[in-house]
N, C-alpha and C. Protein backbone atom coordinates (compact mmCIF):
# COMPACT_ATOMS: atom_id res chain seq x y z
N MET A 1 19.32 -32.93 -21.05
CA MET A 1 20.20 -32.17 -20.59
C MET A 1 21.04 -33.32 -19.39
N ASP A 2 22.46 -33.00 -19.65
CA ASP A 2 23.36 -33.62 -19.22
C ASP A 2 23.39 -33.31 -17.43
N GLY A 3 24.13 -34.08 -16.70
CA GLY A 3 23.98 -33.70 -15.11
C GLY A 3 25.03 -32.51 -15.10
N PHE A 4 24.73 -31.87 -13.75
CA PHE A 4 25.72 -30.93 -13.53
C PHE A 4 27.17 -31.24 -13.46
N ALA A 5 27.89 -30.35 -13.99
CA ALA A 5 29.61 -30.91 -13.85
C ALA A 5 30.16 -29.44 -13.39
N GLY A 6 29.42 -28.63 -12.66
CA GLY A 6 30.08 -27.24 -12.25
C GLY A 6 30.12 -26.08 -13.24
N PHE A 7 30.46 -24.77 -12.87
CA PHE A 7 30.37 -23.79 -13.83
C PHE A 7 31.82 -23.70 -14.13
N PRO A 8 32.19 -23.43 -15.70
CA PRO A 8 33.36 -23.61 -16.09
C PRO A 8 34.03 -22.22 -15.67
N GLU A 9 35.28 -21.91 -15.81
CA GLU A 9 35.80 -20.62 -15.92
C GLU A 9 35.36 -19.67 -16.82
N ALA A 10 34.93 -20.13 -18.01
CA ALA A 10 34.19 -19.24 -18.74
C ALA A 10 33.18 -18.50 -18.22
N ALA A 11 32.53 -18.71 -17.43
CA ALA A 11 31.40 -18.37 -17.06
C ALA A 11 31.89 -17.03 -16.07
N LEU A 12 32.90 -17.09 -15.43
CA LEU A 12 33.36 -16.22 -14.39
C LEU A 12 34.07 -14.79 -15.52
N ASP A 13 35.07 -15.37 -16.56
CA ASP A 13 35.45 -14.64 -17.54
C ASP A 13 34.25 -13.73 -18.39
N PHE A 14 33.28 -14.47 -18.57
CA PHE A 14 31.82 -13.95 -19.31
C PHE A 14 31.49 -12.48 -18.57
N TYR A 15 31.42 -12.88 -16.97
CA TYR A 15 30.75 -11.86 -16.33
C TYR A 15 31.75 -10.74 -16.09
N ASP A 16 33.02 -10.89 -16.03
CA ASP A 16 34.11 -9.96 -15.82
C ASP A 16 34.21 -8.94 -16.87
N ASP A 17 33.79 -9.73 -18.06
CA ASP A 17 33.80 -8.91 -19.51
C ASP A 17 32.75 -8.02 -19.60
N LEU A 18 31.46 -8.49 -19.05
CA LEU A 18 30.21 -8.04 -19.34
C LEU A 18 30.25 -6.86 -18.28
N GLU A 19 30.66 -6.81 -17.23
CA GLU A 19 30.80 -5.84 -16.33
C GLU A 19 31.54 -4.41 -17.03
N MET A 20 32.49 -4.94 -17.86
CA MET A 20 33.38 -3.77 -18.43
C MET A 20 32.69 -3.42 -19.74
N ASP A 21 31.84 -3.80 -20.36
CA ASP A 21 31.35 -3.76 -21.60
C ASP A 21 29.84 -4.32 -21.68
N ASN A 22 28.94 -3.61 -21.07
CA ASN A 22 27.70 -3.99 -21.01
C ASN A 22 26.63 -3.49 -22.01
N THR A 23 27.04 -4.06 -23.15
CA THR A 23 26.37 -3.64 -24.47
C THR A 23 25.92 -4.87 -25.24
N ARG A 24 24.98 -4.50 -25.93
CA ARG A 24 24.10 -5.37 -27.02
C ARG A 24 25.36 -5.71 -27.79
N SER A 25 26.29 -5.18 -28.27
CA SER A 25 27.10 -5.75 -29.27
C SER A 25 28.19 -6.79 -28.54
N PHE A 26 28.57 -6.64 -27.29
CA PHE A 26 29.21 -7.42 -26.67
C PHE A 26 28.35 -8.81 -26.53
N TRP A 27 27.26 -8.78 -26.02
CA TRP A 27 26.22 -9.64 -25.83
C TRP A 27 26.08 -10.85 -26.89
N GLU A 28 25.69 -9.92 -27.74
CA GLU A 28 25.54 -10.64 -29.49
C GLU A 28 26.77 -11.45 -29.60
N ALA A 29 27.94 -10.98 -29.46
CA ALA A 29 29.50 -11.62 -29.93
C ALA A 29 29.71 -12.78 -28.99
N HIS A 30 29.21 -12.52 -27.47
CA HIS A 30 29.14 -13.78 -26.74
C HIS A 30 28.05 -14.46 -26.05
N LYS A 31 27.14 -14.37 -26.80
CA LYS A 31 25.72 -15.06 -26.35
C LYS A 31 25.94 -16.47 -26.25
N GLN A 32 26.79 -17.20 -27.23
CA GLN A 32 26.97 -18.67 -26.99
C GLN A 32 27.58 -19.02 -25.91
N VAL A 33 28.75 -18.19 -25.19
CA VAL A 33 29.16 -18.47 -24.02
C VAL A 33 28.45 -18.42 -22.96
N TYR A 34 27.28 -17.53 -23.14
CA TYR A 34 26.37 -17.32 -21.93
C TYR A 34 25.62 -18.45 -21.89
N VAL A 35 25.18 -18.77 -23.22
CA VAL A 35 24.41 -20.18 -23.29
C VAL A 35 24.85 -21.30 -22.61
N GLU A 36 26.32 -21.64 -22.98
CA GLU A 36 26.95 -22.74 -22.82
C GLU A 36 27.53 -22.98 -21.31
N SER A 37 28.26 -21.95 -20.85
CA SER A 37 28.95 -21.70 -19.82
C SER A 37 28.15 -21.22 -18.44
N VAL A 38 26.92 -20.42 -18.79
CA VAL A 38 26.27 -20.00 -17.54
C VAL A 38 24.82 -20.62 -17.51
N LYS A 39 23.96 -20.49 -18.46
CA LYS A 39 22.85 -20.89 -18.49
C LYS A 39 22.62 -22.31 -18.46
N ALA A 40 23.14 -22.99 -19.25
CA ALA A 40 23.32 -24.56 -19.22
C ALA A 40 23.66 -25.12 -17.95
N PRO A 41 24.69 -24.78 -17.16
CA PRO A 41 25.13 -25.42 -16.09
C PRO A 41 23.88 -24.89 -14.77
N MET A 42 23.43 -23.80 -15.04
CA MET A 42 22.56 -23.43 -13.96
C MET A 42 21.21 -24.39 -13.93
N VAL A 43 20.75 -24.40 -15.38
CA VAL A 43 19.60 -25.11 -15.64
C VAL A 43 19.91 -26.54 -14.83
N ALA A 44 21.08 -27.24 -15.26
CA ALA A 44 21.48 -28.53 -14.80
C ALA A 44 21.46 -28.50 -13.44
N LEU A 45 22.14 -27.76 -12.68
CA LEU A 45 21.98 -27.45 -11.12
C LEU A 45 20.55 -27.72 -10.55
N THR A 46 19.86 -26.72 -11.20
CA THR A 46 18.34 -26.63 -10.59
C THR A 46 17.65 -27.88 -10.70
N GLU A 47 17.74 -28.58 -12.01
CA GLU A 47 17.16 -29.72 -12.34
C GLU A 47 17.43 -30.67 -11.36
N ALA A 48 18.73 -30.59 -11.03
CA ALA A 48 19.22 -31.90 -9.98
C ALA A 48 18.91 -31.78 -8.98
N LEU A 49 17.98 -30.31 -8.16
CA LEU A 49 17.61 -30.17 -7.02
C LEU A 49 16.13 -30.44 -7.17
N ALA A 50 15.52 -30.14 -8.12
CA ALA A 50 14.12 -29.71 -8.20
C ALA A 50 13.65 -30.94 -7.60
N ALA A 51 13.79 -32.30 -7.67
CA ALA A 51 13.00 -33.34 -6.95
C ALA A 51 12.93 -33.29 -5.39
N GLU A 52 13.88 -32.78 -5.00
CA GLU A 52 13.73 -32.49 -3.25
C GLU A 52 12.90 -30.98 -3.16
N PHE A 53 13.48 -29.94 -4.05
CA PHE A 53 13.25 -28.64 -3.33
C PHE A 53 12.07 -27.92 -4.38
N GLY A 54 11.87 -28.51 -5.41
CA GLY A 54 10.71 -28.14 -6.49
C GLY A 54 11.68 -27.39 -7.64
N SER A 55 10.59 -27.10 -8.59
CA SER A 55 11.15 -26.55 -9.88
C SER A 55 11.73 -25.15 -9.64
N ALA A 56 12.91 -24.70 -10.29
CA ALA A 56 13.37 -23.38 -10.17
C ALA A 56 12.97 -22.58 -11.31
N LYS A 57 12.74 -21.16 -11.01
CA LYS A 57 12.73 -20.22 -12.05
C LYS A 57 14.22 -19.61 -12.54
N VAL A 58 14.80 -19.89 -13.62
CA VAL A 58 15.91 -19.20 -14.12
C VAL A 58 15.79 -17.95 -14.52
N PHE A 59 16.08 -16.82 -13.88
CA PHE A 59 15.92 -15.54 -14.42
C PHE A 59 16.53 -15.22 -15.81
N ARG A 60 15.57 -14.12 -16.55
CA ARG A 60 16.07 -13.82 -17.70
C ARG A 60 17.24 -12.72 -17.37
N PRO A 61 18.41 -12.85 -18.33
CA PRO A 61 19.62 -12.19 -18.26
C PRO A 61 19.33 -10.77 -18.70
N TYR A 62 18.12 -10.27 -18.77
CA TYR A 62 17.71 -8.77 -19.23
C TYR A 62 17.31 -8.02 -18.22
N ARG A 63 17.93 -6.76 -18.03
CA ARG A 63 17.59 -5.78 -16.89
C ARG A 63 16.05 -5.14 -17.43
N ASP A 64 15.46 -4.56 -16.58
CA ASP A 64 14.05 -3.96 -16.86
C ASP A 64 14.52 -2.39 -16.48
N VAL A 65 14.97 -1.71 -17.71
CA VAL A 65 15.29 -0.51 -17.63
C VAL A 65 14.36 0.48 -17.89
N ARG A 66 12.95 0.19 -17.77
CA ARG A 66 12.14 1.32 -17.97
C ARG A 66 12.01 2.46 -17.38
N PHE A 67 12.31 2.27 -15.81
CA PHE A 67 12.25 3.18 -14.92
C PHE A 67 13.45 3.41 -14.31
N ALA A 68 14.61 2.92 -14.68
CA ALA A 68 15.88 2.91 -13.92
C ALA A 68 16.81 3.91 -14.60
N LYS A 69 17.66 4.72 -13.54
CA LYS A 69 18.57 5.34 -14.09
C LYS A 69 19.76 4.86 -14.95
N ASP A 70 20.08 3.61 -14.35
CA ASP A 70 21.06 2.65 -15.22
C ASP A 70 20.52 2.23 -16.30
N LYS A 71 20.56 2.38 -17.51
CA LYS A 71 20.22 1.82 -18.59
C LYS A 71 21.10 0.66 -19.16
N THR A 72 22.23 0.24 -18.58
CA THR A 72 22.91 -1.07 -19.07
C THR A 72 21.79 -2.11 -19.31
N PRO A 73 21.92 -3.13 -20.32
CA PRO A 73 20.69 -3.67 -20.55
C PRO A 73 20.86 -5.26 -20.01
N TYR A 74 21.93 -5.57 -19.48
CA TYR A 74 22.06 -7.28 -19.04
C TYR A 74 22.72 -7.08 -17.75
N LYS A 75 21.86 -8.13 -16.77
CA LYS A 75 22.41 -8.30 -15.63
C LYS A 75 23.71 -9.03 -15.36
N THR A 76 24.39 -8.70 -14.47
CA THR A 76 25.90 -9.07 -14.36
C THR A 76 26.03 -10.38 -13.30
N HIS A 77 24.78 -11.03 -13.37
CA HIS A 77 25.07 -12.35 -12.69
C HIS A 77 23.77 -13.10 -12.93
N GLN A 78 23.69 -14.40 -12.98
CA GLN A 78 22.65 -15.36 -13.51
C GLN A 78 22.01 -15.89 -12.19
N GLY A 79 20.60 -15.71 -11.81
CA GLY A 79 20.39 -16.28 -10.51
C GLY A 79 19.11 -17.26 -10.87
N ALA A 80 18.84 -17.91 -10.04
CA ALA A 80 17.94 -18.87 -9.90
C ALA A 80 17.00 -19.12 -8.68
N PHE A 81 15.86 -19.30 -8.44
CA PHE A 81 15.01 -19.11 -7.17
C PHE A 81 13.92 -20.11 -7.36
N VAL A 82 13.92 -20.74 -6.42
CA VAL A 82 12.72 -21.66 -6.14
C VAL A 82 11.63 -21.16 -5.14
N ALA A 83 10.78 -21.00 -5.48
CA ALA A 83 9.48 -20.36 -4.47
C ALA A 83 8.82 -21.47 -3.71
N VAL A 84 8.76 -21.32 -2.33
CA VAL A 84 8.06 -22.07 -1.66
C VAL A 84 6.67 -21.16 -0.89
N ALA A 85 6.86 -20.07 -1.10
CA ALA A 85 5.86 -19.23 -0.79
C ALA A 85 6.00 -17.77 -1.47
N PRO A 86 5.16 -16.88 -1.54
CA PRO A 86 5.32 -15.61 -2.11
C PRO A 86 6.64 -14.86 -1.75
N HIS A 87 7.40 -14.41 -2.73
CA HIS A 87 8.88 -14.09 -2.49
C HIS A 87 9.61 -14.60 -1.42
N THR A 88 9.48 -16.03 -1.10
CA THR A 88 10.16 -16.85 -0.10
C THR A 88 10.53 -18.22 -0.79
N GLY A 89 11.88 -18.46 -0.45
CA GLY A 89 12.32 -19.74 -1.05
C GLY A 89 13.82 -19.87 -0.88
N PHE A 90 14.12 -20.53 -2.16
CA PHE A 90 15.64 -20.71 -2.06
C PHE A 90 16.35 -20.31 -3.17
N TYR A 91 17.75 -19.62 -3.36
CA TYR A 91 18.15 -18.96 -4.33
C TYR A 91 19.51 -19.31 -4.81
N VAL A 92 20.03 -19.51 -5.89
CA VAL A 92 21.58 -19.35 -6.25
C VAL A 92 22.03 -18.40 -7.17
N HIS A 93 23.19 -18.17 -7.44
CA HIS A 93 23.50 -17.33 -8.46
C HIS A 93 24.93 -17.30 -8.60
N ILE A 94 25.29 -17.09 -10.22
CA ILE A 94 26.73 -16.91 -10.28
C ILE A 94 26.85 -15.55 -11.18
N GLY A 95 28.07 -14.71 -10.87
CA GLY A 95 28.68 -13.59 -11.50
C GLY A 95 29.92 -13.66 -11.15
N ALA A 96 30.42 -12.35 -11.48
CA ALA A 96 31.73 -12.03 -11.57
C ALA A 96 32.57 -12.48 -10.30
N PRO A 97 31.83 -12.10 -9.04
CA PRO A 97 32.35 -12.47 -7.71
C PRO A 97 32.22 -14.00 -7.56
N GLY A 98 31.93 -14.98 -8.30
CA GLY A 98 31.80 -16.38 -7.84
C GLY A 98 30.10 -16.56 -7.86
N VAL A 99 30.06 -17.77 -6.91
CA VAL A 99 28.47 -18.35 -6.61
C VAL A 99 28.21 -18.02 -5.15
N ARG A 100 26.87 -17.80 -4.93
CA ARG A 100 26.38 -17.71 -4.00
C ARG A 100 25.22 -18.33 -3.86
N VAL A 101 24.87 -18.69 -2.41
CA VAL A 101 23.42 -19.32 -2.38
C VAL A 101 22.92 -18.77 -1.05
N GLY A 102 21.38 -18.85 -1.31
CA GLY A 102 20.81 -18.05 0.00
C GLY A 102 19.39 -18.78 -0.11
N GLY A 103 18.61 -18.29 0.86
CA GLY A 103 17.17 -18.56 1.07
C GLY A 103 16.50 -17.43 2.09
N GLY A 104 15.04 -17.68 2.33
CA GLY A 104 14.57 -16.71 3.32
C GLY A 104 13.45 -16.16 2.46
N PHE A 105 13.23 -14.90 2.71
CA PHE A 105 12.06 -14.01 2.16
C PHE A 105 12.87 -12.76 1.75
N TYR A 106 12.80 -11.98 0.43
CA TYR A 106 13.32 -10.66 -0.21
C TYR A 106 12.29 -9.90 -0.13
N HIS A 107 11.01 -10.17 0.01
CA HIS A 107 10.04 -8.87 0.17
C HIS A 107 8.79 -9.80 0.82
N ALA A 108 8.00 -8.74 1.27
CA ALA A 108 6.78 -9.22 1.85
C ALA A 108 5.83 -8.18 1.58
N GLU A 109 4.48 -8.52 1.24
CA GLU A 109 3.43 -7.62 1.15
C GLU A 109 3.20 -7.12 2.75
N SER A 110 2.24 -6.13 2.72
CA SER A 110 2.29 -5.36 4.04
C SER A 110 1.58 -6.43 5.07
N ALA A 111 0.61 -7.00 4.70
CA ALA A 111 -0.28 -7.87 5.53
C ALA A 111 0.49 -9.13 6.07
N ASP A 112 1.30 -9.76 5.23
CA ASP A 112 2.39 -10.82 5.23
C ASP A 112 3.44 -10.34 6.29
N LEU A 113 3.94 -9.06 6.13
CA LEU A 113 4.88 -8.43 6.91
C LEU A 113 4.40 -8.32 8.23
N ALA A 114 3.27 -8.06 8.24
CA ALA A 114 2.77 -7.84 9.56
C ALA A 114 2.42 -9.10 10.56
N ARG A 115 2.11 -10.06 9.88
CA ARG A 115 1.99 -11.26 10.42
C ARG A 115 3.59 -11.98 10.68
N ILE A 116 4.38 -11.66 10.07
CA ILE A 116 5.90 -12.02 10.19
C ILE A 116 6.24 -11.38 11.52
N ARG A 117 5.86 -9.95 11.52
CA ARG A 117 6.38 -9.30 12.71
C ARG A 117 5.67 -9.49 14.06
N THR A 118 4.09 -10.34 14.00
CA THR A 118 3.47 -10.59 15.08
C THR A 118 4.09 -11.95 15.50
N ALA A 119 4.56 -12.64 14.68
CA ALA A 119 5.08 -14.21 15.10
C ALA A 119 6.76 -13.84 15.52
N ILE A 120 7.48 -12.89 15.32
CA ILE A 120 8.64 -12.45 15.93
C ILE A 120 8.41 -11.79 17.29
N ASP A 121 7.24 -11.06 17.26
CA ASP A 121 7.01 -10.36 18.82
C ASP A 121 6.58 -11.58 19.78
N ASP A 122 5.83 -12.58 19.27
CA ASP A 122 5.48 -13.74 20.18
C ASP A 122 6.71 -14.49 20.84
N GLU A 123 6.57 -14.66 22.17
CA GLU A 123 7.59 -15.56 22.71
C GLU A 123 8.31 -16.80 22.25
N ARG A 124 7.11 -17.44 21.85
CA ARG A 124 7.47 -18.80 21.31
C ARG A 124 7.96 -19.06 20.04
N SER A 125 7.18 -18.34 19.05
CA SER A 125 7.62 -18.53 17.55
C SER A 125 8.92 -17.48 17.53
N GLY A 126 8.92 -16.42 18.32
CA GLY A 126 10.02 -15.38 18.02
C GLY A 126 11.25 -16.01 18.46
N THR A 127 11.35 -16.81 19.55
CA THR A 127 12.45 -17.36 20.20
C THR A 127 12.67 -18.47 19.05
N GLU A 128 11.91 -19.30 18.69
CA GLU A 128 12.30 -20.19 17.58
C GLU A 128 13.14 -19.71 16.90
N LEU A 129 12.60 -18.39 15.94
CA LEU A 129 13.30 -18.02 14.71
C LEU A 129 14.64 -17.60 15.32
N GLU A 130 14.75 -16.83 16.35
CA GLU A 130 16.14 -16.62 17.15
C GLU A 130 17.19 -17.81 17.02
N LYS A 131 16.68 -19.07 17.55
CA LYS A 131 17.16 -20.27 17.66
C LYS A 131 17.74 -20.68 16.30
N LEU A 132 16.91 -20.57 15.42
CA LEU A 132 17.22 -21.16 13.83
C LEU A 132 18.38 -20.23 13.43
N LEU A 133 18.52 -19.03 13.67
CA LEU A 133 19.26 -17.90 12.95
C LEU A 133 20.69 -18.29 13.41
N LYS A 134 20.91 -18.50 15.00
CA LYS A 134 21.73 -18.79 15.67
C LYS A 134 22.44 -19.95 15.47
N LYS A 135 21.64 -21.08 15.05
CA LYS A 135 22.12 -22.08 14.39
C LYS A 135 22.65 -22.09 12.95
N LEU A 136 22.07 -21.30 12.33
CA LEU A 136 22.60 -21.07 10.88
C LEU A 136 23.95 -20.26 10.79
N ARG A 137 24.17 -19.28 11.80
CA ARG A 137 25.28 -18.71 11.92
C ARG A 137 26.48 -19.67 12.43
N ARG A 138 26.31 -20.49 13.38
CA ARG A 138 27.12 -21.44 13.59
C ARG A 138 27.50 -22.06 12.64
N GLN A 139 26.77 -22.44 11.63
CA GLN A 139 27.05 -23.28 10.49
C GLN A 139 27.83 -22.55 9.27
N GLY A 140 27.96 -21.39 9.67
CA GLY A 140 28.89 -20.65 8.72
C GLY A 140 28.11 -19.66 7.57
N LEU A 141 26.76 -19.44 7.99
CA LEU A 141 25.86 -18.82 7.14
C LEU A 141 25.47 -17.54 7.44
N GLU A 142 25.45 -16.51 6.70
CA GLU A 142 25.41 -15.10 6.83
C GLU A 142 23.87 -14.74 7.02
N VAL A 143 23.65 -13.98 8.04
CA VAL A 143 22.21 -13.38 8.00
C VAL A 143 22.17 -11.93 7.50
N GLY A 144 21.27 -11.77 6.56
CA GLY A 144 21.01 -10.54 5.77
C GLY A 144 19.61 -9.82 5.77
N GLY A 145 19.35 -9.42 4.84
CA GLY A 145 18.14 -8.59 4.46
C GLY A 145 18.02 -7.01 5.00
N GLU A 146 17.01 -6.34 4.04
CA GLU A 146 17.00 -5.18 4.46
C GLU A 146 16.28 -4.67 5.67
N GLN A 147 16.53 -3.76 6.43
CA GLN A 147 16.07 -3.41 7.69
C GLN A 147 15.86 -1.70 7.73
N LEU A 148 14.36 -1.45 8.41
CA LEU A 148 14.28 -0.21 8.96
C LEU A 148 15.26 0.39 9.67
N LYS A 149 15.41 1.61 9.84
CA LYS A 149 16.52 2.37 10.69
C LYS A 149 15.78 2.63 11.89
N ARG A 150 14.54 2.78 12.18
CA ARG A 150 13.82 2.85 13.13
C ARG A 150 12.92 1.72 13.48
N PRO A 151 12.45 1.47 14.87
CA PRO A 151 11.81 0.36 15.20
C PRO A 151 10.18 0.59 14.44
N PRO A 152 9.54 -0.68 13.71
CA PRO A 152 8.34 -0.35 12.97
C PRO A 152 7.30 0.13 14.11
N ARG A 153 6.39 0.76 13.38
CA ARG A 153 5.32 1.12 14.31
C ARG A 153 4.38 0.24 15.28
N GLY A 154 4.36 0.50 16.56
CA GLY A 154 3.78 -0.45 17.37
C GLY A 154 4.75 -1.18 18.32
N TYR A 155 5.94 -1.16 17.90
CA TYR A 155 6.92 -1.89 18.64
C TYR A 155 7.98 -0.85 19.41
N ALA A 156 8.37 -1.30 20.71
CA ALA A 156 9.06 -0.47 21.51
C ALA A 156 10.57 -0.70 20.76
N ALA A 157 11.39 0.53 21.14
CA ALA A 157 12.77 0.17 20.75
C ALA A 157 13.68 -0.64 21.51
N ASP A 158 13.08 -1.21 22.63
CA ASP A 158 13.62 -1.78 23.59
C ASP A 158 13.27 -3.58 23.81
N HIS A 159 12.56 -3.58 22.79
CA HIS A 159 11.82 -4.88 22.48
C HIS A 159 12.91 -5.96 22.26
N ALA A 160 12.98 -7.17 23.08
CA ALA A 160 14.12 -8.18 23.02
C ALA A 160 14.49 -8.55 21.80
N ARG A 161 13.51 -8.66 20.67
CA ARG A 161 14.01 -8.99 19.19
C ARG A 161 13.50 -7.71 18.28
N ILE A 162 14.21 -6.64 18.74
CA ILE A 162 13.91 -5.51 18.02
C ILE A 162 14.53 -5.59 16.32
N ASP A 163 15.78 -6.09 16.47
CA ASP A 163 16.63 -6.05 15.42
C ASP A 163 15.82 -7.12 14.30
N LEU A 164 15.37 -8.20 14.84
CA LEU A 164 14.64 -9.08 13.68
C LEU A 164 13.32 -8.27 13.31
N LEU A 165 12.72 -7.55 14.31
CA LEU A 165 11.25 -6.58 13.87
C LEU A 165 11.64 -5.96 12.99
N ARG A 166 12.84 -5.39 12.85
CA ARG A 166 13.25 -4.22 11.91
C ARG A 166 13.54 -4.53 10.27
N HIS A 167 13.41 -5.93 10.26
CA HIS A 167 13.65 -6.79 8.79
C HIS A 167 12.54 -6.47 7.99
N LYS A 168 12.72 -5.83 6.79
CA LYS A 168 11.70 -5.87 5.78
C LYS A 168 11.79 -7.00 4.94
N SER A 169 13.12 -7.61 4.90
CA SER A 169 13.50 -8.93 4.23
C SER A 169 14.50 -9.57 5.35
N LEU A 170 14.29 -10.76 4.95
CA LEU A 170 15.26 -11.74 6.00
C LEU A 170 15.85 -13.07 5.23
N THR A 171 17.23 -12.79 5.01
CA THR A 171 17.78 -13.77 4.18
C THR A 171 19.14 -14.46 5.12
N ILE A 172 19.32 -15.55 4.51
CA ILE A 172 20.60 -16.45 4.97
C ILE A 172 21.16 -16.79 3.62
N GLY A 173 22.72 -16.57 3.90
CA GLY A 173 23.33 -16.93 2.66
C GLY A 173 24.76 -17.39 2.89
N ARG A 174 25.56 -17.86 1.86
CA ARG A 174 26.72 -18.45 2.11
C ARG A 174 27.48 -18.14 0.51
N ASP A 175 28.58 -17.50 0.65
CA ASP A 175 29.55 -17.09 -0.83
C ASP A 175 30.61 -18.35 -0.93
N TYR A 176 30.40 -18.84 -1.93
CA TYR A 176 31.43 -19.73 -2.37
C TYR A 176 32.53 -19.11 -3.27
N GLY A 177 32.12 -17.93 -3.82
CA GLY A 177 33.03 -17.32 -4.50
C GLY A 177 33.76 -17.90 -5.44
N PHE A 178 35.31 -17.86 -5.65
CA PHE A 178 35.99 -18.35 -6.64
C PHE A 178 36.66 -19.79 -6.14
N ASP A 179 36.04 -20.37 -5.05
CA ASP A 179 36.54 -21.61 -4.74
C ASP A 179 36.42 -22.58 -5.96
N GLN A 180 37.47 -23.55 -5.83
CA GLN A 180 37.68 -24.37 -7.10
C GLN A 180 36.54 -25.40 -7.11
N VAL A 181 35.84 -25.39 -6.03
CA VAL A 181 34.53 -26.37 -6.00
C VAL A 181 33.51 -25.89 -6.98
N ILE A 182 33.57 -24.72 -7.29
CA ILE A 182 32.28 -24.08 -8.10
C ILE A 182 32.56 -24.80 -9.55
N HIS A 183 33.46 -25.17 -10.12
CA HIS A 183 34.02 -25.59 -11.19
C HIS A 183 33.85 -27.31 -11.27
N ARG A 184 33.21 -27.80 -10.31
CA ARG A 184 33.32 -29.36 -10.13
C ARG A 184 31.67 -29.54 -9.79
N PRO A 185 31.45 -31.17 -9.96
CA PRO A 185 30.36 -31.60 -9.75
C PRO A 185 29.79 -31.54 -8.24
N GLU A 186 30.70 -31.49 -7.20
CA GLU A 186 30.54 -31.38 -6.08
C GLU A 186 29.91 -30.12 -5.41
N LEU A 187 29.52 -29.20 -6.37
CA LEU A 187 29.04 -27.85 -5.77
C LEU A 187 27.56 -28.66 -5.90
N LEU A 188 27.16 -29.09 -6.41
CA LEU A 188 25.55 -29.66 -6.22
C LEU A 188 25.49 -30.34 -4.91
N ASP A 189 26.18 -30.97 -4.45
CA ASP A 189 26.19 -31.28 -2.96
C ASP A 189 26.35 -30.34 -2.10
N LEU A 190 26.93 -29.35 -2.11
CA LEU A 190 26.92 -28.19 -1.38
C LEU A 190 25.99 -27.56 -1.28
N VAL A 191 25.41 -27.00 -2.52
CA VAL A 191 24.11 -26.39 -2.57
C VAL A 191 23.14 -27.13 -1.73
N ARG A 192 22.94 -28.34 -2.29
CA ARG A 192 21.74 -29.15 -1.78
C ARG A 192 21.92 -29.03 -0.12
N ALA A 193 23.35 -29.38 0.55
CA ALA A 193 23.49 -29.35 1.86
C ALA A 193 23.01 -27.70 2.49
N ASP A 194 23.22 -26.80 2.09
CA ASP A 194 23.08 -25.60 2.54
C ASP A 194 21.56 -25.23 2.65
N TRP A 195 20.85 -25.59 1.05
CA TRP A 195 19.36 -25.38 1.21
C TRP A 195 18.61 -26.39 2.27
N ARG A 196 19.36 -27.38 2.57
CA ARG A 196 18.55 -28.34 3.56
C ARG A 196 18.85 -27.52 4.93
N ARG A 197 19.93 -27.00 4.98
CA ARG A 197 20.24 -26.11 6.43
C ARG A 197 19.11 -24.88 6.41
N MET A 198 18.72 -24.40 5.39
CA MET A 198 17.94 -23.23 5.41
C MET A 198 16.63 -23.46 5.38
N ARG A 199 16.23 -24.87 5.27
CA ARG A 199 14.98 -25.09 4.92
C ARG A 199 14.04 -24.65 6.20
N PRO A 200 14.29 -25.05 7.38
CA PRO A 200 13.72 -24.55 8.47
C PRO A 200 13.27 -23.26 8.67
N LEU A 201 14.17 -22.24 8.18
CA LEU A 201 14.04 -20.68 8.03
C LEU A 201 12.91 -20.32 6.95
N VAL A 202 13.26 -21.02 6.00
CA VAL A 202 12.17 -20.72 4.85
C VAL A 202 10.84 -21.04 5.12
N GLU A 203 10.64 -22.37 5.76
CA GLU A 203 9.50 -22.93 6.01
C GLU A 203 8.60 -21.84 7.41
N TRP A 204 9.68 -21.49 8.15
CA TRP A 204 9.25 -20.76 9.31
C TRP A 204 8.49 -19.49 8.67
N VAL A 205 9.17 -18.92 7.55
CA VAL A 205 8.51 -17.94 7.06
C VAL A 205 7.26 -17.90 6.26
N ALA A 206 7.22 -19.42 5.63
CA ALA A 206 6.15 -19.61 4.54
C ALA A 206 5.31 -19.89 5.40
N ALA A 207 5.00 -20.22 6.81
CA ALA A 207 3.88 -20.74 7.72
C ALA A 207 3.43 -19.38 8.13
N ARG A 208 3.84 -18.11 7.79
CA ARG A 208 3.35 -16.96 8.21
C ARG A 208 2.71 -16.29 7.00
N VAL A 209 2.97 -16.76 5.71
CA VAL A 209 2.60 -15.79 4.79
C VAL A 209 1.24 -16.76 4.20
N ASP A 210 0.31 -15.68 4.23
CA ASP A 210 -1.27 -16.22 4.04
C ASP A 210 -1.48 -17.02 2.69
N VAL A 211 -1.21 -16.62 1.65
CA VAL A 211 -1.43 -16.85 0.19
C VAL A 211 -1.28 -18.64 0.27
N LEU A 212 0.03 -19.16 0.75
CA LEU A 212 0.10 -20.33 0.49
C LEU A 212 0.02 -21.18 1.76
N ALA A 213 -0.63 -20.73 2.92
CA ALA A 213 -0.46 -21.40 4.23
C ALA A 213 -1.65 -22.72 4.05
N GLU A 214 -1.36 -23.71 4.49
CA GLU A 214 -1.96 -24.94 4.54
C GLU A 214 -3.50 -24.88 5.13
N PRO A 215 -4.44 -25.45 4.43
CA PRO A 215 -5.78 -25.22 4.95
C PRO A 215 -5.68 -25.61 6.39
N GLY A 216 -6.37 -24.83 7.39
CA GLY A 216 -6.52 -25.40 8.78
C GLY A 216 -5.01 -25.37 9.46
N ARG A 217 -4.32 -24.69 8.87
CA ARG A 217 -3.12 -24.70 9.75
C ARG A 217 -3.00 -23.29 10.49
N ARG A 218 -2.85 -23.52 12.04
CA ARG A 218 -2.67 -22.78 13.03
C ARG A 218 -1.51 -21.77 13.06
N ARG A 219 -1.40 -20.55 13.01
CA ARG A 219 -0.55 -19.79 13.25
C ARG A 219 -0.10 -19.54 14.59
N ARG A 220 1.30 -19.40 15.11
CA ARG A 220 1.30 -19.06 16.50
C ARG A 220 1.90 -17.52 16.59
């Protein structure tokens, strides 16, 4: 595999067209464009980052439509994810709107979510998380994630960190959109730098997820 050279314009054009014609006939006629302009650069990008962050899962382009009302067969973006803990890690994708990078946790089992909330409730670890997120915002990253409309059970509505406690997922991200840098090798350095910035948040979450906790590690 050659080194990462950026995502070509053809990758954006491919997803623009796929959004208009999400059919098997379109896919079969343009599959080589996907392979060369989307998948190959994504694999090259994640392989270049693997030594520092770990191997990435490059997602399949096919949607699971078994229980979906929307039966269009193909995803309109190509994502890749480096897992650090269950449902927790680093993310990058390209689609018609361009390139986006992210990190954090996108789902947590009930026991893990309870541990995360306990850590948010704790004055020391909760304040640590607040400071992490404040720093990431100053660096131009956006905080996101699914939130409950009401406080989770057992927590008061006037809790000092109620907005964080309402999170069912917690992510941080940056859009590069159509910036010309997405077509150049320099994008690799930008993704690497952003993932490094996100690492403290990813590690904060990973330390509260039981499955991959380090033996003997004490939770706060």
